[in-house]
Every structure is written in structure tokens, then in C-alpha cells.
Amino acid sequence: MHTLSRRLHAVSAAESHARPDPPLAAATDRPVWPLDSAFVARCSDPRHPTLLGRVKVEWQSEAGSANGTGYHEWWVPSLHGLSIRAGDRLLMQHELGSPEPIVIGVIDGFMPRPELERHEGPRLEIRSDESLRVHTADGQGLIAITPDETGYVVRLLQADARLAVSGKLSISADELELKAASGSVRIEASDDVRLIGEVVHLN
């Protein structure tokens, strides 16, 4: 019995020495980033399958790559709000201490840019039998929004008011009417004044 046990132990030990150790999991080859603080890469995939805010970029460098072609490809984070499409040239920037660069801009977007999604902000509802008034701290009325038979009317409650902008002011409507209930109308410009219409009536 002891002889059989010694033989089984010897066979088990021989098989153990003959069997190779299991291979370790191959570590992912991280790319060699350009040494410059900023560089240009091309977007090859703008949508990560699971992580938001990451895009796949590719670039070519003198340092060898895993496939031996000199081209590197990697998923990197991007700044929030960038509209990135496949084929766009991207400006990459290294942050101090970061192991990977960040996409900070799109140099030339050849694909049409989508409109930015507009999120609705604070909302105030006025019912048909209600009005909205804005007052100063001492109670003087400034603006009133009140309903009438045609809709809502915006009224400036001060006796004298002035609308001023630093740039261009454009007013657009299906029909436009300027009326002085009592008094004159004065139009003043430092350049030409033009009246453009199918028919201009002067009375």
C-alpha cells in the first residue's frame, strides 16, 4: 500500500513538472502619446459603446504601435458640449498629471453640425384672468402683462421709458403699427433713412 502511494505521488509530481504554467493575461498596450502639449488627431468613432463623453481618436507618430503601422487608436475624454463627428480633426491637450489627453476642440467639422438641444428653464404661467406685474423695491410699477380681447398686452408703467441696446435692434411681426396717441413721431438717424415697400403712402 505504501509502495502504491509513493508511485502515485511520483506520477503526480512528474505531471506537475511537465505541465506549463498558465499564461498571464496580456496587458493592454497603452499608446505612446505625442510629447507636445497639444497635438492634432482624427476622430474615428464619436460614440463610445458604454461611456459617455469619450471618442475614439487615431494619430500617427514615429513611436511604434501595437499593429506596427505607426498609427495609434484610443478612446479619450472630450470637453462637455462638443459636437464631434467621425472624420473631424480634433485638438488634443495634455493636462498636468493626466495619463491621457483631452479633446478640447474641433478644428474642422466636415459633417453638418446638429443644433444644440435647448432645455426649458424656469417657467411662469399666467391664466386668462390673471396679470403679471414687475415692481421696483419701493413699489413703483415697471412692467405689466395683462390680457385683453385680442390676447396679452405688455405695458410699460412708467410715464417716460426708453429702450436702448448697444448693437442692432430688429423688430419683426406679420404687421407693424407705430402710433402716437397724442403728439408727434420723430425719426432720427446719423445715416440714410430708407422706406422700402410695395407702395409708400405719405399723407
Foldseek 3Di string as FASTA:
>chain_A
DVVVVVVVVVVVVVVVVVDDDDDDDDDDDDDDDDPDQKDKWFFAAQDDPPDPQKTKTKDADPDADPVRPRIDIDIAGEDPPAFDDGGWMFMWGDDVPDPGTYTDHTPDDPDDGDDDDDDDDDDDDADLQGKDWDADPVGHTAWIWHADPVGIDIDGRDPDDDDDDPDDDDDDDPDDDDDDPDDDDDDDDPDDDDDDDPDDDDD
